[in-house]
Amino acid sequence: MLPQEVSAIIEEMRAERIRGASWLARKGAEAYIILSQILEGEELKKALEEMRREIPLANKTMASLYNLAQFIPITHDPNLVRAKAEEFIRLGEEAKREIGNIGSELIDENEIVITHSFSSAVVEIFRTAKRKGKSFRVILTESAPDYEGIALAKELESLGIPFEIITDAQLGFFAGKATLGLVGADNITRDGAVVNKAGTYPLALACHDNHVPFYVAAESFKLHPKLSSDEVEIIERPYARQGYRIRNFLFDITPWKYIRGIITELGILVPPKEI
């Protein structure tokens, strides 16, 4: 059984509604650091074996949690666990900064960027483009039913980036008014498909029909080394309104043919051949 402090973090990860794969991976790494402070020797090794099962189960759709669990070795040495967890956090922060630098070069003067849900990698691209003095605005969905788009709006407001919020149903209408589509990802499969907040696939289709280039921003730890798109388990969360059950799958899968490129810290990858 895992220590209570560690179990509490995993439960927090399971319950999270707004923040995505990057935040969950960091929280998972922090759980490993706490574990290294509590246990050692054989107890630590057994706990790490349990963590390798439990961390990915916090959200089975997200590749970052699978890769985090594989990144941390099964060992008796708490110092090694802590060092690897801290390395994972550091690499993630460095990756996001580099994604900001690379992705911001795609934003031209007076660009109109349409996005969906909340992605810390996308926010970093916007932040970097703003810092470079570029003038652009953002069209973002409210991203029902958890309204991640409102969290993004608050970030953009703090950065001084102009934006307008639309309902999810207007994705098709507003895609024709944009010049660039940009979203994050929770999982990029071996065959180049992108798993992200439900609504991403319709946005990609709308961008395709309107000849708007569609890009995805994701750290390389979101590339799943094993799963193909037909093997990803998509989570459905209970949801009801006015007494009626409403189907609520959290993610959808966007085929690679609608994606111009995936912006990673390694460069812009062309799916699926460079995945």
C-alpha atoms as a PDB file:
ATOM      1  CA  MET A   1       0.000   0.000   0.000  1.00  0.00           C
ATOM      2  CA  LEU A   2       1.281   3.442  -0.925  1.00  0.00           C
ATOM      3  CA  PRO A   3       1.863   6.078   1.764  1.00  0.00           C
ATOM      4  CA  GLN A   4      -1.129   8.339   2.363  1.00  0.00           C
ATOM      5  CA  GLU A   5       0.739  11.420   1.118  1.00  0.00           C
ATOM      6  CA  VAL A   6       1.407   9.742  -2.219  1.00  0.00           C
ATOM      7  CA  SER A   7      -2.090   8.275  -2.553  1.00  0.00           C
ATOM      8  CA  ALA A   8      -3.553  11.745  -1.965  1.00  0.00           C
ATOM      9  CA  ILE A   9      -1.605  13.143  -4.937  1.00  0.00           C
ATOM     10  CA  ILE A  10      -2.762  10.316  -7.192  1.00  0.00           C
ATOM     11  CA  GLU A  11      -6.358  10.957  -6.155  1.00  0.00           C
ATOM     12  CA  GLU A  12      -5.885  14.654  -6.917  1.00  0.00           C
ATOM     13  CA  MET A  13      -4.610  13.660 -10.366  1.00  0.00           C
ATOM     14  CA  ARG A  14      -7.669  11.469 -10.962  1.00  0.00           C
ATOM     15  CA  ALA A  15     -10.034  14.262  -9.961  1.00  0.00           C
ATOM     16  CA  GLU A  16      -8.414  17.040 -12.010  1.00  0.00           C
ATOM     17  CA  ARG A  17     -10.812  18.563 -14.560  1.00  0.00           C
ATOM     18  CA  ILE A  18      -9.026  21.517 -16.173  1.00  0.00           C
ATOM     19  CA  ARG A  19      -5.282  20.981 -16.417  1.00  0.00           C
ATOM     20  CA  GLY A  20      -3.951  18.443 -18.852  1.00  0.00           C
ATOM     21  CA  ALA A  21      -1.209  15.903 -19.425  1.00  0.00           C
ATOM     22  CA  SER A  22       1.757  18.164 -18.634  1.00  0.00           C
ATOM     23  CA  TRP A  23       0.374  19.157 -15.241  1.00  0.00           C
ATOM     24  CA  LEU A  24      -0.561  15.567 -14.392  1.00  0.00           C
ATOM     25  CA  ALA A  25       2.900  14.322 -15.328  1.00  0.00           C
ATOM     26  CA  ARG A  26       4.520  16.933 -13.109  1.00  0.00           C
ATOM     27  CA  LYS A  27       2.224  16.029 -10.208  1.00  0.00           C
ATOM     28  CA  GLY A  28       3.114  12.385 -10.747  1.00  0.00           C
ATOM     29  CA  ALA A  29       6.813  13.234 -10.622  1.00  0.00           C
ATOM     30  CA  GLU A  30       6.223  15.142  -7.385  1.00  0.00           C
ATOM     31  CA  ALA A  31       4.538  12.029  -5.976  1.00  0.00           C
ATOM     32  CA  TYR A  32       7.704  10.068  -6.725  1.00  0.00           C
ATOM     33  CA  ILE A  33       9.799  12.693  -4.924  1.00  0.00           C
ATOM     34  CA  ILE A  34       7.596  12.438  -1.838  1.00  0.00           C
ATOM     35  CA  LEU A  35       7.789   8.645  -2.004  1.00  0.00           C
ATOM     36  CA  SER A  36      11.597   8.860  -2.034  1.00  0.00           C
ATOM     37  CA  GLN A  37      11.475  10.928   1.152  1.00  0.00           C
ATOM     38  CA  ILE A  38       9.358   8.369   3.012  1.00  0.00           C
ATOM     39  CA  LEU A  39      10.542   4.919   1.949  1.00  0.00           C
ATOM     40  CA  GLU A  40      13.775   3.134   1.153  1.00  0.00           C
ATOM     41  CA  GLY A  41      15.077  -0.371   0.532  1.00  0.00           C
ATOM     42  CA  GLU A  42      12.600  -3.181  -0.155  1.00  0.00           C
ATOM     43  CA  GLU A  43       9.596  -1.075   0.912  1.00  0.00           C
ATOM     44  CA  LEU A  44      10.526   1.534  -1.679  1.00  0.00           C
ATOM     45  CA  LYS A  45      10.962  -1.078  -4.396  1.00  0.00           C
ATOM     46  CA  LYS A  46       7.523  -2.575  -3.733  1.00  0.00           C
ATOM     47  CA  ALA A  47       5.946   0.882  -3.695  1.00  0.00           C
ATOM     48  CA  LEU A  48       7.602   1.729  -7.015  1.00  0.00           C
ATOM     49  CA  GLU A  49       6.185  -1.424  -8.552  1.00  0.00           C
ATOM     50  CA  GLU A  50       2.740  -0.318  -7.398  1.00  0.00           C
ATOM     51  CA  MET A  51       3.340   3.214  -8.698  1.00  0.00           C
ATOM     52  CA  ARG A  52       4.218   1.822 -12.129  1.00  0.00           C
ATOM     53  CA  ARG A  53       0.678   0.434 -12.242  1.00  0.00           C
ATOM     54  CA  GLU A  54      -1.173   3.258 -10.464  1.00  0.00           C
ATOM     55  CA  ILE A  55       0.307   6.375 -12.084  1.00  0.00           C
ATOM     56  CA  PRO A  56      -0.885   5.491 -15.626  1.00  0.00           C
ATOM     57  CA  LEU A  57      -4.303   4.566 -14.225  1.00  0.00           C
ATOM     58  CA  ALA A  58      -4.805   8.123 -12.949  1.00  0.00           C
ATOM     59  CA  ASN A  59      -5.766   8.851 -16.565  1.00  0.00           C
ATOM     60  CA  LYS A  60      -5.371   5.935 -18.950  1.00  0.00           C
ATOM     61  CA  THR A  61      -5.639   8.120 -22.049  1.00  0.00           C
ATOM     62  CA  MET A  62      -2.556  10.224 -21.277  1.00  0.00           C
ATOM     63  CA  ALA A  63       0.782   9.057 -22.656  1.00  0.00           C
ATOM     64  CA  SER A  64       2.717  11.334 -20.288  1.00  0.00           C
ATOM     65  CA  LEU A  65       1.752   9.230 -17.272  1.00  0.00           C
ATOM     66  CA  TYR A  66       2.765   5.983 -18.967  1.00  0.00           C
ATOM     67  CA  ASN A  67       6.125   7.491 -19.943  1.00  0.00           C
ATOM     68  CA  LEU A  68       6.697   8.927 -16.460  1.00  0.00           C
ATOM     69  CA  ALA A  69       6.103   5.516 -14.871  1.00  0.00           C
ATOM     70  CA  GLN A  70       8.591   3.942 -17.281  1.00  0.00           C
ATOM     71  CA  PHE A  71      11.127   6.732 -16.696  1.00  0.00           C
ATOM     72  CA  ILE A  72      11.399   6.068 -12.944  1.00  0.00           C
ATOM     73  CA  PRO A  73      13.458   2.915 -12.236  1.00  0.00           C
ATOM     74  CA  ILE A  74      12.356   0.156  -9.861  1.00  0.00           C
ATOM     75  CA  THR A  75      15.085   0.424  -7.258  1.00  0.00           C
ATOM     76  CA  HIS A  76      15.924   0.276  -3.546  1.00  0.00           C
ATOM     77  CA  ASP A  77      17.695   3.649  -3.734  1.00  0.00           C
ATOM     78  CA  PRO A  78      15.565   6.697  -2.783  1.00  0.00           C
ATOM     79  CA  ASN A  79      18.256   9.097  -4.024  1.00  0.00           C
ATOM     80  CA  LEU A  80      18.026   7.620  -7.531  1.00  0.00           C
ATOM     81  CA  VAL A  81      14.237   7.898  -7.516  1.00  0.00           C
ATOM     82  CA  ARG A  82      14.386  11.523  -6.445  1.00  0.00           C
ATOM     83  CA  ALA A  83      17.070  12.345  -9.025  1.00  0.00           C
ATOM     84  CA  LYS A  84      15.101  10.772 -11.873  1.00  0.00           C
ATOM     85  CA  ALA A  85      11.845  12.479 -10.832  1.00  0.00           C
ATOM     86  CA  GLU A  86      13.588  15.851 -10.652  1.00  0.00           C
ATOM     87  CA  GLU A  87      15.178  15.174 -14.043  1.00  0.00           C
ATOM     88  CA  PHE A  88      11.737  14.460 -15.516  1.00  0.00           C
ATOM     89  CA  ILE A  89      10.414  17.780 -14.203  1.00  0.00           C
ATOM     90  CA  ARG A  90      13.460  19.668 -15.487  1.00  0.00           C
ATOM     91  CA  LEU A  91      13.242  18.091 -18.950  1.00  0.00           C
ATOM     92  CA  GLY A  92       9.541  18.942 -19.104  1.00  0.00           C
ATOM     93  CA  GLU A  93      10.190  22.594 -18.273  1.00  0.00           C
ATOM     94  CA  GLU A  94      12.995  22.799 -20.832  1.00  0.00           C
ATOM     95  CA  ALA A  95      10.790  21.138 -23.447  1.00  0.00           C
ATOM     96  CA  LYS A  96       8.002  23.641 -22.921  1.00  0.00           C
ATOM     97  CA  ARG A  97      10.363  26.612 -23.304  1.00  0.00           C
ATOM     98  CA  GLU A  98      11.738  25.180 -26.548  1.00  0.00           C
ATOM     99  CA  ILE A  99       8.233  24.494 -27.849  1.00  0.00           C
ATOM    100  CA  GLY A 100       7.452  28.139 -27.115  1.00  0.00           C
ATOM    101  CA  ASN A 101      10.440  29.269 -29.173  1.00  0.00           C
ATOM    102  CA  ILE A 102       9.700  26.953 -32.097  1.00  0.00           C
ATOM    103  CA  GLY A 103       5.940  27.390 -32.125  1.00  0.00           C
ATOM    104  CA  SER A 104       6.019  31.166 -31.820  1.00  0.00           C
ATOM    105  CA  GLU A 105       7.761  31.343 -35.203  1.00  0.00           C
ATOM    106  CA  LEU A 106       4.576  29.987 -36.803  1.00  0.00           C
ATOM    107  CA  ILE A 107       2.631  33.018 -35.595  1.00  0.00           C
ATOM    108  CA  ASP A 108       2.892  35.810 -38.128  1.00  0.00           C
ATOM    109  CA  GLU A 109       1.973  39.451 -37.631  1.00  0.00           C
ATOM    110  CA  ASN A 110      -1.807  39.877 -37.274  1.00  0.00           C
ATOM    111  CA  GLU A 111      -2.347  36.113 -37.087  1.00  0.00           C
ATOM    112  CA  ILE A 112      -5.753  34.864 -35.962  1.00  0.00           C
ATOM    113  CA  VAL A 113      -5.244  31.647 -34.024  1.00  0.00           C
ATOM    114  CA  ILE A 114      -8.123  29.311 -33.215  1.00  0.00           C
ATOM    115  CA  THR A 115      -7.700  26.836 -30.363  1.00  0.00           C
ATOM    116  CA  HIS A 116      -9.682  24.443 -28.200  1.00  0.00           C
ATOM    117  CA  SER A 117      -9.364  23.487 -24.513  1.00  0.00           C
ATOM    118  CA  PHE A 118      -6.387  24.429 -22.313  1.00  0.00           C
ATOM    119  CA  SER A 119      -2.800  23.494 -23.154  1.00  0.00           C
ATOM    120  CA  SER A 120       0.205  24.757 -21.216  1.00  0.00           C
ATOM    121  CA  ALA A 121       2.344  24.193 -24.333  1.00  0.00           C
ATOM    122  CA  VAL A 122       0.018  26.384 -26.398  1.00  0.00           C
ATOM    123  CA  VAL A 123       0.065  29.039 -23.667  1.00  0.00           C
ATOM    124  CA  GLU A 124       3.875  29.000 -23.792  1.00  0.00           C
ATOM    125  CA  ILE A 125       3.769  29.568 -27.556  1.00  0.00           C
ATOM    126  CA  PHE A 126       1.426  32.527 -27.082  1.00  0.00           C
ATOM    127  CA  ARG A 127       3.564  33.903 -24.252  1.00  0.00           C
ATOM    128  CA  THR A 128       6.746  33.678 -26.321  1.00  0.00           C
ATOM    129  CA  ALA A 129       5.134  35.223 -29.409  1.00  0.00           C
ATOM    130  CA  LYS A 130       3.893  38.111 -27.275  1.00  0.00           C
ATOM    131  CA  ARG A 131       7.370  38.546 -25.778  1.00  0.00           C
ATOM    132  CA  LYS A 132       8.795  38.709 -29.319  1.00  0.00           C
ATOM    133  CA  GLY A 133       6.497  41.652 -29.993  1.00  0.00           C
ATOM    134  CA  LYS A 134       4.129  39.885 -32.364  1.00  0.00           C
ATOM    135  CA  SER A 135       0.599  41.192 -32.744  1.00  0.00           C
ATOM    136  CA  PHE A 136      -2.057  38.463 -32.958  1.00  0.00           C
ATOM    137  CA  ARG A 137      -5.377  37.458 -31.473  1.00  0.00           C
ATOM    138  CA  VAL A 138      -6.925  34.202 -30.356  1.00  0.00           C
ATOM    139  CA  ILE A 139     -10.323  32.596 -30.932  1.00  0.00           C
ATOM    140  CA  LEU A 140     -10.953  30.020 -28.218  1.00  0.00           C
ATOM    141  CA  THR A 141     -13.815  27.725 -27.345  1.00  0.00           C
ATOM    142  CA  GLU A 142     -15.421  27.670 -23.933  1.00  0.00           C
ATOM    143  CA  SER A 143     -14.654  23.908 -24.010  1.00  0.00           C
ATOM    144  CA  ALA A 144     -17.756  22.556 -22.290  1.00  0.00           C
ATOM    145  CA  PRO A 145     -18.601  20.818 -20.046  1.00  0.00           C
ATOM    146  CA  ASP A 146     -15.532  21.532 -17.888  1.00  0.00           C
ATOM    147  CA  TYR A 147     -14.862  24.955 -19.481  1.00  0.00           C
ATOM    148  CA  GLU A 148     -11.100  24.726 -19.833  1.00  0.00           C
ATOM    149  CA  GLY A 149     -11.396  27.585 -22.311  1.00  0.00           C
ATOM    150  CA  ILE A 150     -12.314  29.978 -19.525  1.00  0.00           C
ATOM    151  CA  ALA A 151      -9.062  29.073 -17.754  1.00  0.00           C
ATOM    152  CA  LEU A 152      -7.212  29.813 -21.002  1.00  0.00           C
ATOM    153  CA  ALA A 153      -9.018  33.144 -21.342  1.00  0.00           C
ATOM    154  CA  LYS A 154      -7.757  34.170 -17.907  1.00  0.00           C
ATOM    155  CA  GLU A 155      -4.185  33.315 -18.940  1.00  0.00           C
ATOM    156  CA  LEU A 156      -4.490  35.329 -22.148  1.00  0.00           C
ATOM    157  CA  GLU A 157      -5.974  38.251 -20.245  1.00  0.00           C
ATOM    158  CA  SER A 158      -3.004  38.256 -17.868  1.00  0.00           C
ATOM    159  CA  LEU A 159      -0.629  38.241 -20.850  1.00  0.00           C
ATOM    160  CA  GLY A 160      -2.417  41.099 -22.592  1.00  0.00           C
ATOM    161  CA  ILE A 161      -3.291  38.975 -25.640  1.00  0.00           C
ATOM    162  CA  PRO A 162      -6.634  39.869 -27.302  1.00  0.00           C
ATOM    163  CA  PHE A 163      -9.137  37.025 -27.583  1.00  0.00           C
ATOM    164  CA  GLU A 164     -12.772  36.121 -28.072  1.00  0.00           C
ATOM    165  CA  ILE A 165     -14.568  33.119 -26.620  1.00  0.00           C
ATOM    166  CA  ILE A 166     -17.015  31.062 -28.669  1.00  0.00           C
ATOM    167  CA  THR A 167     -19.288  28.142 -27.874  1.00  0.00           C
ATOM    168  CA  ASP A 168     -18.011  24.758 -29.016  1.00  0.00           C
ATOM    169  CA  ALA A 169     -20.850  24.509 -31.545  1.00  0.00           C
ATOM    170  CA  GLN A 170     -19.402  27.475 -33.467  1.00  0.00           C
ATOM    171  CA  LEU A 171     -16.064  25.809 -34.242  1.00  0.00           C
ATOM    172  CA  GLY A 172     -16.960  25.307 -37.890  1.00  0.00           C
ATOM    173  CA  PHE A 173     -18.174  28.871 -38.354  1.00  0.00           C
ATOM    174  CA  PHE A 174     -15.161  30.539 -36.744  1.00  0.00           C
ATOM    175  CA  ALA A 175     -12.515  28.250 -38.274  1.00  0.00           C
ATOM    176  CA  GLY A 176     -13.116  30.086 -41.543  1.00  0.00           C
ATOM    177  CA  LYS A 177     -12.178  33.359 -39.857  1.00  0.00           C
ATOM    178  CA  ALA A 178      -8.858  32.015 -38.493  1.00  0.00           C
ATOM    179  CA  THR A 179      -5.454  31.830 -40.167  1.00  0.00           C
ATOM    180  CA  LEU A 180      -3.891  29.180 -37.886  1.00  0.00           C
ATOM    181  CA  GLY A 181      -5.224  26.272 -35.838  1.00  0.00           C
ATOM    182  CA  LEU A 182      -3.237  25.325 -32.741  1.00  0.00           C
ATOM    183  CA  VAL A 183      -4.040  22.852 -29.950  1.00  0.00           C
ATOM    184  CA  GLY A 184      -2.236  20.759 -27.359  1.00  0.00           C
ATOM    185  CA  ALA A 185      -2.295  16.981 -26.955  1.00  0.00           C
ATOM    186  CA  ASP A 186      -2.688  14.378 -24.248  1.00  0.00           C
ATOM    187  CA  ASN A 187      -1.402  11.499 -26.340  1.00  0.00           C
ATOM    188  CA  ILE A 188       0.230  11.092 -29.737  1.00  0.00           C
ATOM    189  CA  THR A 189      -0.005   7.521 -30.952  1.00  0.00           C
ATOM    190  CA  ARG A 190       2.509   5.456 -32.864  1.00  0.00           C
ATOM    191  CA  ASP A 191       0.518   5.947 -36.067  1.00  0.00           C
ATOM    192  CA  GLY A 192       0.553   9.743 -35.707  1.00  0.00           C
ATOM    193  CA  ALA A 193      -2.962  10.380 -34.416  1.00  0.00           C
ATOM    194  CA  VAL A 194      -3.554  13.051 -31.775  1.00  0.00           C
ATOM    195  CA  VAL A 195      -5.672  12.355 -28.702  1.00  0.00           C
ATOM    196  CA  ASN A 196      -6.920  15.571 -27.116  1.00  0.00           C
ATOM    197  CA  LYS A 197      -9.994  17.175 -25.560  1.00  0.00           C
ATOM    198  CA  ALA A 198     -13.193  16.129 -27.344  1.00  0.00           C
ATOM    199  CA  GLY A 199     -13.866  18.729 -30.018  1.00  0.00           C
ATOM    200  CA  THR A 200     -10.316  18.728 -31.370  1.00  0.00           C
ATOM    201  CA  TYR A 201     -11.260  16.437 -34.257  1.00  0.00           C
ATOM    202  CA  PRO A 202     -14.126  18.706 -35.430  1.00  0.00           C
ATOM    203  CA  LEU A 203     -11.768  21.692 -35.229  1.00  0.00           C
ATOM    204  CA  ALA A 204      -9.172  19.881 -37.337  1.00  0.00           C
ATOM    205  CA  LEU A 205     -11.857  19.007 -39.919  1.00  0.00           C
ATOM    206  CA  ALA A 206     -13.103  22.599 -40.003  1.00  0.00           C
ATOM    207  CA  CYS A 207      -9.559  23.926 -40.445  1.00  0.00           C
ATOM    208  CA  HIS A 208      -8.958  21.415 -43.238  1.00  0.00           C
ATOM    209  CA  ASP A 209     -12.102  22.463 -45.102  1.00  0.00           C
ATOM    210  CA  ASN A 210     -11.172  26.134 -44.735  1.00  0.00           C
ATOM    211  CA  HIS A 211      -7.515  25.625 -45.758  1.00  0.00           C
ATOM    212  CA  VAL A 212      -6.280  26.730 -42.336  1.00  0.00           C
ATOM    213  CA  PRO A 213      -3.029  25.007 -41.263  1.00  0.00           C
ATOM    214  CA  PHE A 214      -3.593  22.940 -38.131  1.00  0.00           C
ATOM    215  CA  TYR A 215      -0.722  22.294 -35.689  1.00  0.00           C
ATOM    216  CA  VAL A 216      -0.396  20.418 -32.403  1.00  0.00           C
ATOM    217  CA  ALA A 217       1.993  21.417 -29.586  1.00  0.00           C
ATOM    218  CA  ALA A 218       3.245  18.625 -27.324  1.00  0.00           C
ATOM    219  CA  GLU A 219       6.318  17.672 -25.326  1.00  0.00           C
ATOM    220  CA  SER A 220       7.960  14.475 -26.544  1.00  0.00           C
ATOM    221  CA  PHE A 221       6.852  12.614 -23.404  1.00  0.00           C
ATOM    222  CA  LYS A 222       3.334  12.742 -24.859  1.00  0.00           C
ATOM    223  CA  LEU A 223       4.368  10.420 -27.676  1.00  0.00           C
ATOM    224  CA  HIS A 224       3.232   6.925 -26.747  1.00  0.00           C
ATOM    225  CA  PRO A 225       5.851   4.325 -27.684  1.00  0.00           C
ATOM    226  CA  LYS A 226       3.402   1.409 -27.910  1.00  0.00           C
ATOM    227  CA  LEU A 227      -0.217   2.375 -28.560  1.00  0.00           C
ATOM    228  CA  SER A 228      -1.791   2.928 -31.962  1.00  0.00           C
ATOM    229  CA  SER A 229      -4.919   5.047 -32.325  1.00  0.00           C
ATOM    230  CA  ASP A 230      -7.302   2.081 -32.213  1.00  0.00           C
ATOM    231  CA  GLU A 231      -5.808   0.909 -28.907  1.00  0.00           C
ATOM    232  CA  VAL A 232      -6.272   4.115 -26.902  1.00  0.00           C
ATOM    233  CA  GLU A 233      -8.853   3.869 -24.132  1.00  0.00           C
ATOM    234  CA  ILE A 234     -11.013   6.981 -24.175  1.00  0.00           C
ATOM    235  CA  ILE A 235     -12.420   7.883 -20.762  1.00  0.00           C
ATOM    236  CA  GLU A 236     -16.104   8.744 -20.361  1.00  0.00           C
ATOM    237  CA  ARG A 237     -17.105  10.756 -17.307  1.00  0.00           C
ATOM    238  CA  PRO A 238     -20.662  10.755 -15.903  1.00  0.00           C
ATOM    239  CA  TYR A 239     -22.550  13.887 -16.865  1.00  0.00           C
ATOM    240  CA  ALA A 240     -26.197  14.882 -16.617  1.00  0.00           C
ATOM    241  CA  ARG A 241     -28.295  17.989 -17.125  1.00  0.00           C
ATOM    242  CA  GLN A 242     -31.909  18.562 -16.093  1.00  0.00           C
ATOM    243  CA  GLY A 243     -32.229  14.901 -15.230  1.00  0.00           C
ATOM    244  CA  TYR A 244     -30.952  13.562 -18.568  1.00  0.00           C
ATOM    245  CA  ARG A 245     -27.778  11.569 -18.997  1.00  0.00           C
ATOM    246  CA  ILE A 246     -25.448  13.150 -21.558  1.00  0.00           C
ATOM    247  CA  ARG A 247     -22.646  11.164 -23.188  1.00  0.00           C
ATOM    248  CA  ASN A 248     -19.348  12.711 -22.121  1.00  0.00           C
ATOM    249  CA  PHE A 249     -16.216  11.167 -23.590  1.00  0.00           C
ATOM    250  CA  LEU A 250     -13.343  13.411 -22.526  1.00  0.00           C
ATOM    251  CA  PHE A 251     -11.163  12.966 -25.598  1.00  0.00           C
ATOM    252  CA  ASP A 252     -11.359  12.346 -29.315  1.00  0.00           C
ATOM    253  CA  ILE A 253      -8.829  11.128 -31.852  1.00  0.00           C
ATOM    254  CA  THR A 254      -7.668  13.289 -34.763  1.00  0.00           C
ATOM    255  CA  PRO A 255      -6.134  11.352 -37.686  1.00  0.00           C
ATOM    256  CA  TRP A 256      -2.685  12.448 -38.793  1.00  0.00           C
ATOM    257  CA  LYS A 257      -3.850  13.507 -42.276  1.00  0.00           C
ATOM    258  CA  TYR A 258      -5.480  16.638 -40.821  1.00  0.00           C
ATOM    259  CA  ILE A 259      -2.349  17.712 -38.913  1.00  0.00           C
ATOM    260  CA  ARG A 260       0.272  19.914 -40.593  1.00  0.00           C
ATOM    261  CA  GLY A 261       2.861  19.231 -37.900  1.00  0.00           C
ATOM    262  CA  ILE A 262       3.466  18.429 -34.240  1.00  0.00           C
ATOM    263  CA  ILE A 263       5.530  21.068 -32.448  1.00  0.00           C
ATOM    264  CA  THR A 264       7.903  19.384 -29.991  1.00  0.00           C
ATOM    265  CA  GLU A 265      11.148  20.376 -28.306  1.00  0.00           C
ATOM    266  CA  LEU A 266      12.851  18.259 -30.991  1.00  0.00           C
ATOM    267  CA  GLY A 267      11.399  20.353 -33.795  1.00  0.00           C
ATOM    268  CA  ILE A 268       8.213  20.194 -35.849  1.00  0.00           C
ATOM    269  CA  LEU A 269       7.461  16.551 -36.594  1.00  0.00           C
ATOM    270  CA  VAL A 270       5.450  15.481 -39.609  1.00  0.00           C
ATOM    271  CA  PRO A 271       3.118  12.627 -38.631  1.00  0.00           C
ATOM    272  CA  PRO A 272       3.265   9.723 -38.865  1.00  0.00           C
ATOM    273  CA  LYS A 273       6.646   9.122 -40.494  1.00  0.00           C
ATOM    274  CA  GLU A 274       8.624  11.213 -37.977  1.00  0.00           C
ATOM    275  CA  ILE A 275       6.777  10.111 -34.851  1.00  0.00           C
END
